[in-house]
Amino acid sequence: MPIIVNLDVMMAKRKMSLNELSEKVDLTLSNLSILKTGKAKAIRFSTLESICRVLDCQPGDLLEYSQK
């Protein structure tokens, strides 16, 4: 998949667990885990906005395009 999700990297930089992020963005652990592992097929802008707000980052910090 050419879109790489760097959610785990940003969570590590902010020293935040998946449980803590899940509570703060009001997203289930399973859905957040799917996103974190790169298995998600889509993400809502509202979800992306919430994650960026909580992690204090930009969408480009979480998503990366790779031509490989």
Protein backbone atom coordinates (compact mmCIF):
# COMPACT_ATOMS: atom_id res chain seq x y z
CA MET A 1 0.00 0.00 0.00
CA PRO A 2 1.55 3.33 -1.03
CA ILE A 3 0.12 5.25 1.96
CA ILE A 4 2.10 4.61 5.15
CA VAL A 5 0.51 5.41 8.51
CA ASN A 6 3.03 6.67 11.06
CA LEU A 7 0.62 6.78 13.99
CA ASP A 8 2.83 4.52 16.10
CA VAL A 9 5.81 6.86 15.56
CA MET A 10 3.85 9.93 16.68
CA MET A 11 2.42 8.08 19.68
CA ALA A 12 5.95 7.07 20.73
CA LYS A 13 7.19 10.66 20.34
CA ARG A 14 4.34 11.87 22.56
CA LYS A 15 4.76 8.91 24.97
CA MET A 16 1.09 8.04 24.58
CA SER A 17 -0.42 4.57 24.73
CA LEU A 18 -3.06 3.24 22.38
CA ASN A 19 -5.53 3.12 25.29
CA GLU A 20 -4.90 6.75 26.20
CA LEU A 21 -5.24 7.93 22.59
CA SER A 22 -8.39 5.86 22.17
CA GLU A 23 -10.01 7.59 25.15
CA LYS A 24 -8.95 11.08 24.06
CA VAL A 25 -10.14 10.78 20.45
CA ASP A 26 -13.24 8.74 21.35
CA LEU A 27 -12.39 5.91 18.96
CA THR A 28 -12.55 2.21 19.77
CA LEU A 29 -9.30 0.40 20.45
CA SER A 30 -9.93 -1.98 17.57
CA ASN A 31 -10.49 0.83 15.04
CA LEU A 32 -7.45 2.71 16.28
CA SER A 33 -5.38 -0.47 16.10
CA ILE A 34 -6.48 -1.07 12.50
CA LEU A 35 -5.37 2.46 11.66
CA LYS A 36 -2.08 2.10 13.55
CA THR A 37 -1.14 -1.13 11.75
CA GLY A 38 -1.86 0.40 8.34
CA LYS A 39 -4.75 -1.98 7.60
CA ALA A 40 -7.38 0.78 7.36
CA LYS A 41 -8.88 1.42 3.95
CA ALA A 42 -10.04 4.95 4.81
CA ILE A 43 -10.04 7.58 7.55
CA ARG A 44 -12.58 10.30 8.17
CA PHE A 45 -11.29 13.86 8.25
CA SER A 46 -12.96 14.33 11.64
CA THR A 47 -11.00 11.36 13.02
CA LEU A 48 -7.77 12.63 11.50
CA GLU A 49 -8.47 16.07 12.97
CA SER A 50 -9.05 14.60 16.44
CA ILE A 51 -5.86 12.54 16.32
CA CYS A 52 -3.85 15.56 15.16
CA ARG A 53 -5.34 17.72 17.93
CA VAL A 54 -4.53 15.17 20.64
CA LEU A 55 -1.04 14.38 19.33
CA ASP A 56 -0.33 18.03 18.45
CA CYS A 57 0.80 17.20 14.93
CA GLN A 58 -0.07 17.73 11.27
CA PRO A 59 -1.76 15.16 8.99
CA GLY A 60 1.55 14.89 7.10
CA ASP A 61 3.19 13.67 10.31
CA LEU A 62 0.79 10.72 10.36
CA LEU A 63 0.44 9.89 6.66
CA GLU A 64 3.21 9.35 4.14
CA TYR A 65 3.09 8.49 0.45
CA SER A 66 5.55 5.90 -0.81
CA GLN A 67 6.00 4.93 -4.45
CA LYS A 68 7.39 1.50 -3.57
